[in-house]
Amino acid sequence: MPAETLDLRDVPPPERHPKIHNAFAALDSGETLQIINDHEPRPLFYEMKAEVEAFDAENYAVEQRDDEEFVATLPKQ
C-alpha cells in the first residue's frame, strides 16, 4: 500500500514534477509514492532514475487503467 497517492490529472504540467519530487523526498525508506496521471510517466521514470539516488527503479511499476489514467508506483529504497 502506498504511503501517499497524488492524483496529478488536474495539476498543471509545469507543477507536476516538483510536486512528485517533494512528496517522494518526504517518504521514509521502504515506502512508495503512487501517482495517477493522464499519460504514461516514462519521462518521470528516467528523470527519477538519473537524479534521485533513493529511487528504486527495479521495483517501479505502471498500470494503464484507461486511455487517460496511468497509475505508477515509485518505491523508495
PDB file of N, CA and C in Angstrom:
ATOM      1  N   MET A   1       0.840  -1.180   0.000  1.00  0.00           N
ATOM      2  CA  MET A   1       0.000   0.000   0.000  1.00  0.00           C
ATOM      3  C   MET A   1       0.888   1.247   0.000  1.00  0.00           C
ATOM      4  N   PRO A   2       0.578   2.209  -0.893  1.00  0.00           N
ATOM      5  CA  PRO A   2       1.424   3.407  -0.961  1.00  0.00           C
ATOM      6  C   PRO A   2       1.305   4.265   0.283  1.00  0.00           C
ATOM      7  N   ALA A   3       2.398   4.924   0.612  1.00  0.00           N
ATOM      8  CA  ALA A   3       2.398   5.860   1.738  1.00  0.00           C
ATOM      9  C   ALA A   3       1.616   7.114   1.370  1.00  0.00           C
ATOM     10  N   GLU A   4       1.661   7.474   0.092  1.00  0.00           N
ATOM     11  CA  GLU A   4       0.950   8.664  -0.374  1.00  0.00           C
ATOM     12  C   GLU A   4       0.535   8.452  -1.823  1.00  0.00           C
ATOM     13  N   THR A   5      -0.621   9.003  -2.193  1.00  0.00           N
ATOM     14  CA  THR A   5      -1.103   8.961  -3.568  1.00  0.00           C
ATOM     15  C   THR A   5      -1.361  10.382  -4.029  1.00  0.00           C
ATOM     16  N   LEU A   6      -0.825  10.716  -5.209  1.00  0.00           N
ATOM     17  CA  LEU A   6      -1.045  12.020  -5.820  1.00  0.00           C
ATOM     18  C   LEU A   6      -1.812  11.833  -7.119  1.00  0.00           C
ATOM     19  N   ASP A   7      -2.963  12.464  -7.238  1.00  0.00           N
ATOM     20  CA  ASP A   7      -3.703  12.479  -8.492  1.00  0.00           C
ATOM     21  C   ASP A   7      -3.297  13.760  -9.216  1.00  0.00           C
ATOM     22  N   LEU A   8      -2.550  13.598 -10.276  1.00  0.00           N
ATOM     23  CA  LEU A   8      -1.956  14.742 -10.977  1.00  0.00           C
ATOM     24  C   LEU A   8      -2.737  15.165 -12.210  1.00  0.00           C
ATOM     25  N   ARG A   9      -3.832  14.513 -12.487  1.00  0.00           N
ATOM     26  CA  ARG A   9      -4.555  14.786 -13.737  1.00  0.00           C
ATOM     27  C   ARG A   9      -5.045  16.222 -13.848  1.00  0.00           C
ATOM     28  N   ASP A  10      -5.341  16.871 -12.727  1.00  0.00           N
ATOM     29  CA  ASP A  10      -5.811  18.260 -12.770  1.00  0.00           C
ATOM     30  C   ASP A  10      -4.724  19.270 -12.389  1.00  0.00           C
ATOM     31  N   VAL A  11      -3.504  18.792 -12.198  1.00  0.00           N
ATOM     32  CA  VAL A  11      -2.382  19.667 -11.843  1.00  0.00           C
ATOM     33  C   VAL A  11      -1.728  20.154 -13.141  1.00  0.00           C
ATOM     34  N   PRO A  12      -1.480  21.444 -13.285  1.00  0.00           N
ATOM     35  CA  PRO A  12      -0.809  21.935 -14.498  1.00  0.00           C
ATOM     36  C   PRO A  12       0.543  21.235 -14.695  1.00  0.00           C
ATOM     37  N   PRO A  13       0.865  20.846 -15.931  1.00  0.00           N
ATOM     38  CA  PRO A  13       2.104  20.098 -16.192  1.00  0.00           C
ATOM     39  C   PRO A  13       3.371  20.690 -15.581  1.00  0.00           C
ATOM     40  N   PRO A  14       3.591  22.013 -15.603  1.00  0.00           N
ATOM     41  CA  PRO A  14       4.840  22.525 -15.005  1.00  0.00           C
ATOM     42  C   PRO A  14       4.946  22.294 -13.502  1.00  0.00           C
ATOM     43  N   GLU A  15       3.824  22.028 -12.848  1.00  0.00           N
ATOM     44  CA  GLU A  15       3.824  21.833 -11.396  1.00  0.00           C
ATOM     45  C   GLU A  15       3.942  20.363 -10.983  1.00  0.00           C
ATOM     46  N   ARG A  16       3.814  19.461 -11.931  1.00  0.00           N
ATOM     47  CA  ARG A  16       3.752  18.031 -11.596  1.00  0.00           C
ATOM     48  C   ARG A  16       5.062  17.478 -11.038  1.00  0.00           C
ATOM     49  N   HIS A  17       6.158  17.631 -11.761  1.00  0.00           N
ATOM     50  CA  HIS A  17       7.414  17.020 -11.315  1.00  0.00           C
ATOM     51  C   HIS A  17       7.896  17.580  -9.976  1.00  0.00           C
ATOM     52  N   PRO A  18       7.835  18.901  -9.758  1.00  0.00           N
ATOM     53  CA  PRO A  18       8.224  19.396  -8.429  1.00  0.00           C
ATOM     54  C   PRO A  18       7.360  18.807  -7.311  1.00  0.00           C
ATOM     55  N   LYS A  19       6.075  18.686  -7.566  1.00  0.00           N
ATOM     56  CA  LYS A  19       5.165  18.118  -6.570  1.00  0.00           C
ATOM     57  C   LYS A  19       5.539  16.659  -6.279  1.00  0.00           C
ATOM     58  N   ILE A  20       5.856  15.900  -7.324  1.00  0.00           N
ATOM     59  CA  ILE A  20       6.255  14.494  -7.170  1.00  0.00           C
ATOM     60  C   ILE A  20       7.567  14.397  -6.390  1.00  0.00           C
ATOM     61  N   HIS A  21       8.551  15.197  -6.765  1.00  0.00           N
ATOM     62  CA  HIS A  21       9.852  15.150  -6.094  1.00  0.00           C
ATOM     63  C   HIS A  21       9.722  15.504  -4.609  1.00  0.00           C
ATOM     64  N   ASN A  22       8.904  16.502  -4.287  1.00  0.00           N
ATOM     65  CA  ASN A  22       8.709  16.877  -2.886  1.00  0.00           C
ATOM     66  C   ASN A  22       8.038  15.757  -2.094  1.00  0.00           C
ATOM     67  N   ALA A  23       7.019  15.155  -2.668  1.00  0.00           N
ATOM     68  CA  ALA A  23       6.321  14.064  -1.981  1.00  0.00           C
ATOM     69  C   ALA A  23       7.242  12.854  -1.814  1.00  0.00           C
ATOM     70  N   PHE A  24       8.041  12.561  -2.839  1.00  0.00           N
ATOM     71  CA  PHE A  24       8.958  11.423  -2.768  1.00  0.00           C
ATOM     72  C   PHE A  24      10.022  11.658  -1.704  1.00  0.00           C
ATOM     73  N   ALA A  25      10.543  12.873  -1.637  1.00  0.00           N
ATOM     74  CA  ALA A  25      11.576  13.203  -0.651  1.00  0.00           C
ATOM     75  C   ALA A  25      11.059  13.054   0.776  1.00  0.00           C
ATOM     76  N   ALA A  26       9.762  13.255   0.975  1.00  0.00           N
ATOM     77  CA  ALA A  26       9.173  13.163   2.315  1.00  0.00           C
ATOM     78  C   ALA A  26       8.932  11.725   2.767  1.00  0.00           C
ATOM     79  N   LEU A  27       9.057  10.763   1.848  1.00  0.00           N
ATOM     80  CA  LEU A  27       8.846   9.356   2.197  1.00  0.00           C
ATOM     81  C   LEU A  27       9.995   8.818   3.036  1.00  0.00           C
ATOM     82  N   ASP A  28       9.685   7.838   3.850  1.00  0.00           N
ATOM     83  CA  ASP A  28      10.724   7.091   4.552  1.00  0.00           C
ATOM     84  C   ASP A  28      11.213   5.970   3.653  1.00  0.00           C
ATOM     85  N   SER A  29      12.374   5.456   3.933  1.00  0.00           N
ATOM     86  CA  SER A  29      12.915   4.322   3.199  1.00  0.00           C
ATOM     87  C   SER A  29      11.937   3.159   3.251  1.00  0.00           C
ATOM     88  N   GLY A  30      11.707   2.525   2.099  1.00  0.00           N
ATOM     89  CA  GLY A  30      10.797   1.391   2.023  1.00  0.00           C
ATOM     90  C   GLY A  30       9.363   1.760   1.703  1.00  0.00           C
ATOM     91  N   GLU A  31       9.041   3.051   1.719  1.00  0.00           N
ATOM     92  CA  GLU A  31       7.688   3.493   1.379  1.00  0.00           C
ATOM     93  C   GLU A  31       7.570   3.737  -0.123  1.00  0.00           C
ATOM     94  N   THR A  32       6.335   3.861  -0.594  1.00  0.00           N
ATOM     95  CA  THR A  32       6.107   4.109  -2.011  1.00  0.00           C
ATOM     96  C   THR A  32       5.189   5.312  -2.204  1.00  0.00           C
ATOM     97  N   LEU A  33       5.413   5.983  -3.312  1.00  0.00           N
ATOM     98  CA  LEU A  33       4.554   7.061  -3.761  1.00  0.00           C
ATOM     99  C   LEU A  33       3.798   6.544  -4.969  1.00  0.00           C
ATOM    100  N   GLN A  34       2.495   6.716  -4.962  1.00  0.00           N
ATOM    101  CA  GLN A  34       1.672   6.327  -6.103  1.00  0.00           C
ATOM    102  C   GLN A  34       1.187   7.604  -6.771  1.00  0.00           C
ATOM    103  N   ILE A  35       1.335   7.662  -8.087  1.00  0.00           N
ATOM    104  CA  ILE A  35       0.824   8.820  -8.814  1.00  0.00           C
ATOM    105  C   ILE A  35      -0.210   8.347  -9.832  1.00  0.00           C
ATOM    106  N   ILE A  36      -1.205   9.189 -10.029  1.00  0.00           N
ATOM    107  CA  ILE A  36      -2.220   8.958 -11.051  1.00  0.00           C
ATOM    108  C   ILE A  36      -2.046  10.070 -12.061  1.00  0.00           C
ATOM    109  N   ASN A  37      -1.867   9.686 -13.320  1.00  0.00           N
ATOM    110  CA  ASN A  37      -1.510  10.638 -14.355  1.00  0.00           C
ATOM    111  C   ASN A  37      -2.381  10.421 -15.577  1.00  0.00           C
ATOM    112  N   ASP A  38      -2.424  11.418 -16.462  1.00  0.00           N
ATOM    113  CA  ASP A  38      -3.218  11.315 -17.683  1.00  0.00           C
ATOM    114  C   ASP A  38      -2.407  10.795 -18.873  1.00  0.00           C
ATOM    115  N   HIS A  39      -1.157  10.462 -18.645  1.00  0.00           N
ATOM    116  CA  HIS A  39      -0.294   9.876 -19.680  1.00  0.00           C
ATOM    117  C   HIS A  39       0.740   8.980 -18.992  1.00  0.00           C
ATOM    118  N   GLU A  40       1.361   8.124 -19.774  1.00  0.00           N
ATOM    119  CA  GLU A  40       2.387   7.261 -19.192  1.00  0.00           C
ATOM    120  C   GLU A  40       3.557   8.120 -18.724  1.00  0.00           C
ATOM    121  N   PRO A  41       3.975   7.965 -17.468  1.00  0.00           N
ATOM    122  CA  PRO A  41       5.016   8.832 -16.916  1.00  0.00           C
ATOM    123  C   PRO A  41       6.439   8.352 -17.217  1.00  0.00           C
ATOM    124  N   ARG A  42       6.683   7.928 -18.435  1.00  0.00           N
ATOM    125  CA  ARG A  42       8.013   7.428 -18.816  1.00  0.00           C
ATOM    126  C   ARG A  42       9.117   8.468 -18.614  1.00  0.00           C
ATOM    127  N   PRO A  43       8.916   9.742 -19.010  1.00  0.00           N
ATOM    128  CA  PRO A  43       9.974  10.733 -18.756  1.00  0.00           C
ATOM    129  C   PRO A  43      10.282  10.883 -17.263  1.00  0.00           C
ATOM    130  N   LEU A  44       9.247  10.801 -16.429  1.00  0.00           N
ATOM    131  CA  LEU A  44       9.455  10.882 -14.988  1.00  0.00           C
ATOM    132  C   LEU A  44      10.319   9.722 -14.503  1.00  0.00           C
ATOM    133  N   PHE A  45      10.059   8.528 -15.006  1.00  0.00           N
ATOM    134  CA  PHE A  45      10.857   7.360 -14.620  1.00  0.00           C
ATOM    135  C   PHE A  45      12.342   7.610 -14.898  1.00  0.00           C
ATOM    136  N   TYR A  46      12.660   8.077 -16.102  1.00  0.00           N
ATOM    137  CA  TYR A  46      14.062   8.311 -16.457  1.00  0.00           C
ATOM    138  C   TYR A  46      14.665   9.453 -15.637  1.00  0.00           C
ATOM    139  N   GLU A  47      13.864  10.467 -15.367  1.00  0.00           N
ATOM    140  CA  GLU A  47      14.336  11.566 -14.531  1.00  0.00           C
ATOM    141  C   GLU A  47      14.648  11.081 -13.117  1.00  0.00           C
ATOM    142  N   MET A  48      13.731  10.312 -12.543  1.00  0.00           N
ATOM    143  CA  MET A  48      13.940   9.791 -11.189  1.00  0.00           C
ATOM    144  C   MET A  48      15.159   8.871 -11.151  1.00  0.00           C
ATOM    145  N   LYS A  49      15.272   8.019 -12.131  1.00  0.00           N
ATOM    146  CA  LYS A  49      16.386   7.067 -12.181  1.00  0.00           C
ATOM    147  C   LYS A  49      17.729   7.793 -12.256  1.00  0.00           C
ATOM    148  N   ALA A  50      17.783   8.869 -13.012  1.00  0.00           N
ATOM    149  CA  ALA A  50      19.035   9.603 -13.197  1.00  0.00           C
ATOM    150  C   ALA A  50      19.362  10.546 -12.043  1.00  0.00           C
ATOM    151  N   GLU A  51      18.335  11.096 -11.391  1.00  0.00           N
ATOM    152  CA  GLU A  51      18.576  12.181 -10.450  1.00  0.00           C
ATOM    153  C   GLU A  51      18.331  11.856  -8.982  1.00  0.00           C
ATOM    154  N   VAL A  52      17.593  10.795  -8.696  1.00  0.00           N
ATOM    155  CA  VAL A  52      17.197  10.524  -7.311  1.00  0.00           C
ATOM    156  C   VAL A  52      17.799   9.189  -6.869  1.00  0.00           C
ATOM    157  N   GLU A  53      18.839   9.280  -6.068  1.00  0.00           N
ATOM    158  CA  GLU A  53      19.563   8.076  -5.641  1.00  0.00           C
ATOM    159  C   GLU A  53      18.671   7.080  -4.903  1.00  0.00           C
ATOM    160  N   ALA A  54      17.708   7.564  -4.137  1.00  0.00           N
ATOM    161  CA  ALA A  54      16.856   6.688  -3.329  1.00  0.00           C
ATOM    162  C   ALA A  54      15.722   6.044  -4.126  1.00  0.00           C
ATOM    163  N   PHE A  55      15.568   6.397  -5.409  1.00  0.00           N
ATOM    164  CA  PHE A  55      14.520   5.812  -6.244  1.00  0.00           C
ATOM    165  C   PHE A  55      14.869   4.370  -6.574  1.00  0.00           C
ATOM    166  N   ASP A  56      13.956   3.454  -6.280  1.00  0.00           N
ATOM    167  CA  ASP A  56      14.138   2.023  -6.537  1.00  0.00           C
ATOM    168  C   ASP A  56      13.574   1.687  -7.914  1.00  0.00           C
ATOM    169  N   ALA A  57      14.362   1.932  -8.957  1.00  0.00           N
ATOM    170  CA  ALA A  57      13.913   1.741 -10.339  1.00  0.00           C
ATOM    171  C   ALA A  57      13.549   0.285 -10.631  1.00  0.00           C
ATOM    172  N   GLU A  58      14.185  -0.643  -9.959  1.00  0.00           N
ATOM    173  CA  GLU A  58      13.916  -2.071 -10.190  1.00  0.00           C
ATOM    174  C   GLU A  58      12.479  -2.445  -9.836  1.00  0.00           C
ATOM    175  N   ASN A  59      11.893  -1.770  -8.870  1.00  0.00           N
ATOM    176  CA  ASN A  59      10.547  -2.114  -8.414  1.00  0.00           C
ATOM    177  C   ASN A  59       9.487  -1.097  -8.826  1.00  0.00           C
ATOM    178  N   TYR A  60       9.845  -0.189  -9.719  1.00  0.00           N
ATOM    179  CA  TYR A  60       8.892   0.757 -10.295  1.00  0.00           C
ATOM    180  C   TYR A  60       7.863  -0.018 -11.106  1.00  0.00           C
ATOM    181  N   ALA A  61       6.619   0.413 -11.059  1.00  0.00           N
ATOM    182  CA  ALA A  61       5.571  -0.232 -11.845  1.00  0.00           C
ATOM    183  C   ALA A  61       4.590   0.823 -12.327  1.00  0.00           C
ATOM    184  N   VAL A  62       4.016   0.572 -13.490  1.00  0.00           N
ATOM    185  CA  VAL A  62       2.976   1.461 -14.015  1.00  0.00           C
ATOM    186  C   VAL A  62       1.875   0.597 -14.621  1.00  0.00           C
ATOM    187  N   GLU A  63       0.637   1.010 -14.388  1.00  0.00           N
ATOM    188  CA  GLU A  63      -0.528   0.294 -14.899  1.00  0.00           C
ATOM    189  C   GLU A  63      -1.401   1.291 -15.651  1.00  0.00           C
ATOM    190  N   GLN A  64      -1.756   0.934 -16.873  1.00  0.00           N
ATOM    191  CA  GLN A  64      -2.681   1.771 -17.635  1.00  0.00           C
ATOM    192  C   GLN A  64      -4.091   1.269 -17.374  1.00  0.00           C
ATOM    193  N   ARG A  65      -4.925   2.116 -16.777  1.00  0.00           N
ATOM    194  CA  ARG A  65      -6.299   1.721 -16.438  1.00  0.00           C
ATOM    195  C   ARG A  65      -7.284   2.082 -17.536  1.00  0.00           C
ATOM    196  N   ASP A  66      -7.020   3.143 -18.243  1.00  0.00           N
ATOM    197  CA  ASP A  66      -7.778   3.507 -19.449  1.00  0.00           C
ATOM    198  C   ASP A  66      -6.934   4.490 -20.246  1.00  0.00           C
ATOM    199  N   ASP A  67      -7.510   5.082 -21.297  1.00  0.00           N
ATOM    200  CA  ASP A  67      -6.723   5.942 -22.185  1.00  0.00           C
ATOM    201  C   ASP A  67      -6.081   7.133 -21.480  1.00  0.00           C
ATOM    202  N   GLU A  68      -6.703   7.633 -20.418  1.00  0.00           N
ATOM    203  CA  GLU A  68      -6.180   8.808 -19.740  1.00  0.00           C
ATOM    204  C   GLU A  68      -5.977   8.587 -18.250  1.00  0.00           C
ATOM    205  N   GLU A  69      -5.706   7.347 -17.880  1.00  0.00           N
ATOM    206  CA  GLU A  69      -5.419   7.064 -16.468  1.00  0.00           C
ATOM    207  C   GLU A  69      -4.296   6.042 -16.358  1.00  0.00           C
ATOM    208  N   PHE A  70      -3.168   6.522 -15.884  1.00  0.00           N
ATOM    209  CA  PHE A  70      -1.993   5.690 -15.649  1.00  0.00           C
ATOM    210  C   PHE A  70      -1.655   5.804 -14.169  1.00  0.00           C
ATOM    211  N   VAL A  71      -1.435   4.664 -13.535  1.00  0.00           N
ATOM    212  CA  VAL A  71      -1.102   4.640 -12.107  1.00  0.00           C
ATOM    213  C   VAL A  71       0.316   4.085 -11.985  1.00  0.00           C
ATOM    214  N   ALA A  72       1.214   4.900 -11.442  1.00  0.00           N
ATOM    215  CA  ALA A  72       2.605   4.493 -11.293  1.00  0.00           C
ATOM    216  C   ALA A  72       2.949   4.409  -9.803  1.00  0.00           C
ATOM    217  N   THR A  73       3.751   3.418  -9.479  1.00  0.00           N
ATOM    218  CA  THR A  73       4.233   3.219  -8.117  1.00  0.00           C
ATOM    219  C   THR A  73       5.725   3.486  -8.101  1.00  0.00           C
ATOM    220  N   LEU A  74       6.138   4.462  -7.295  1.00  0.00           N
ATOM    221  CA  LEU A  74       7.533   4.863  -7.195  1.00  0.00           C
ATOM    222  C   LEU A  74       8.052   4.477  -5.806  1.00  0.00           C
ATOM    223  N   PRO A  75       8.780   3.385  -5.713  1.00  0.00           N
ATOM    224  CA  PRO A  75       9.295   2.951  -4.408  1.00  0.00           C
ATOM    225  C   PRO A  75      10.597   3.664  -4.029  1.00  0.00           C
ATOM    226  N   LYS A  76      10.756   3.846  -2.737  1.00  0.00           N
ATOM    227  CA  LYS A  76      11.969   4.475  -2.211  1.00  0.00           C
ATOM    228  C   LYS A  76      12.803   3.418  -1.496  1.00  0.00           C
ATOM    229  N   GLN A  77      14.078   3.376  -1.825  1.00  0.00           N
ATOM    230  CA  GLN A  77      14.984   2.422  -1.193  1.00  0.00           C
ATOM    231  C   GLN A  77      15.189   2.752   0.260  1.00  0.00           C
TER     232      GLN A  77
END
